[in-house]
Amino acid sequence: MNKYSLSLIGLLALMIVSCDSRRVYESDYDFEGQQWHMDTIPSFEFQIDEPSGNDILLKIRNSLDFPFRNCYMTYYLEDSVGNVLASDLVNFQLFDETTGKPFGKGNSVFQHSETILSGYNFPSTGRYNLRIAQYMRKTDLEGTYSIGVRIEESDQD
């Protein structure tokens, strides 16, 4: 590879990263064997430098093997010493109730994202943790590839 090709690759990578300027934090937890066991509670630790005006989103990736049309999850947003700042049970609609057609983006694996806290103001700068538990009727949720968290600057003024 010559210098020109390396420079072009570097420039393209920089452009891709800079296109997502609202992102504060993003991470995914991949499930072994594409099954989410009820005792597996993924935890996401992140740093907040600008505490006001953040949107917090949950993400899930699933296949057609997912056994239900929706997925109930509970999240726990905690400060650095484990105090729960926010918690709620959320219901992700993954498939159309009537047709069974999957929602989300994808072909065989579908990606869903939903805002759970909009314009959230963290108490201060520092480290925080978000834990996510599944609350379904089955111990193992087949067809679950990953769960994730995204924090971005809110576009609300």
Foldseek 3Di string as FASTA:
>chain_A
DDPVVVVVVVVVVVVVVVVQVFFPDKDKDFDVQQKDFQVDKDKDKHWFPAQWAKWKKKKWKFFLQFPDQKWWKKKFKAAPVGDTPDIDIDIGGQADPPPRHGDADDDGMHMDMDTPDGRGGDPHTTMMMMIMGTDDPDRMGHGTTIMMMIMGGHPDD
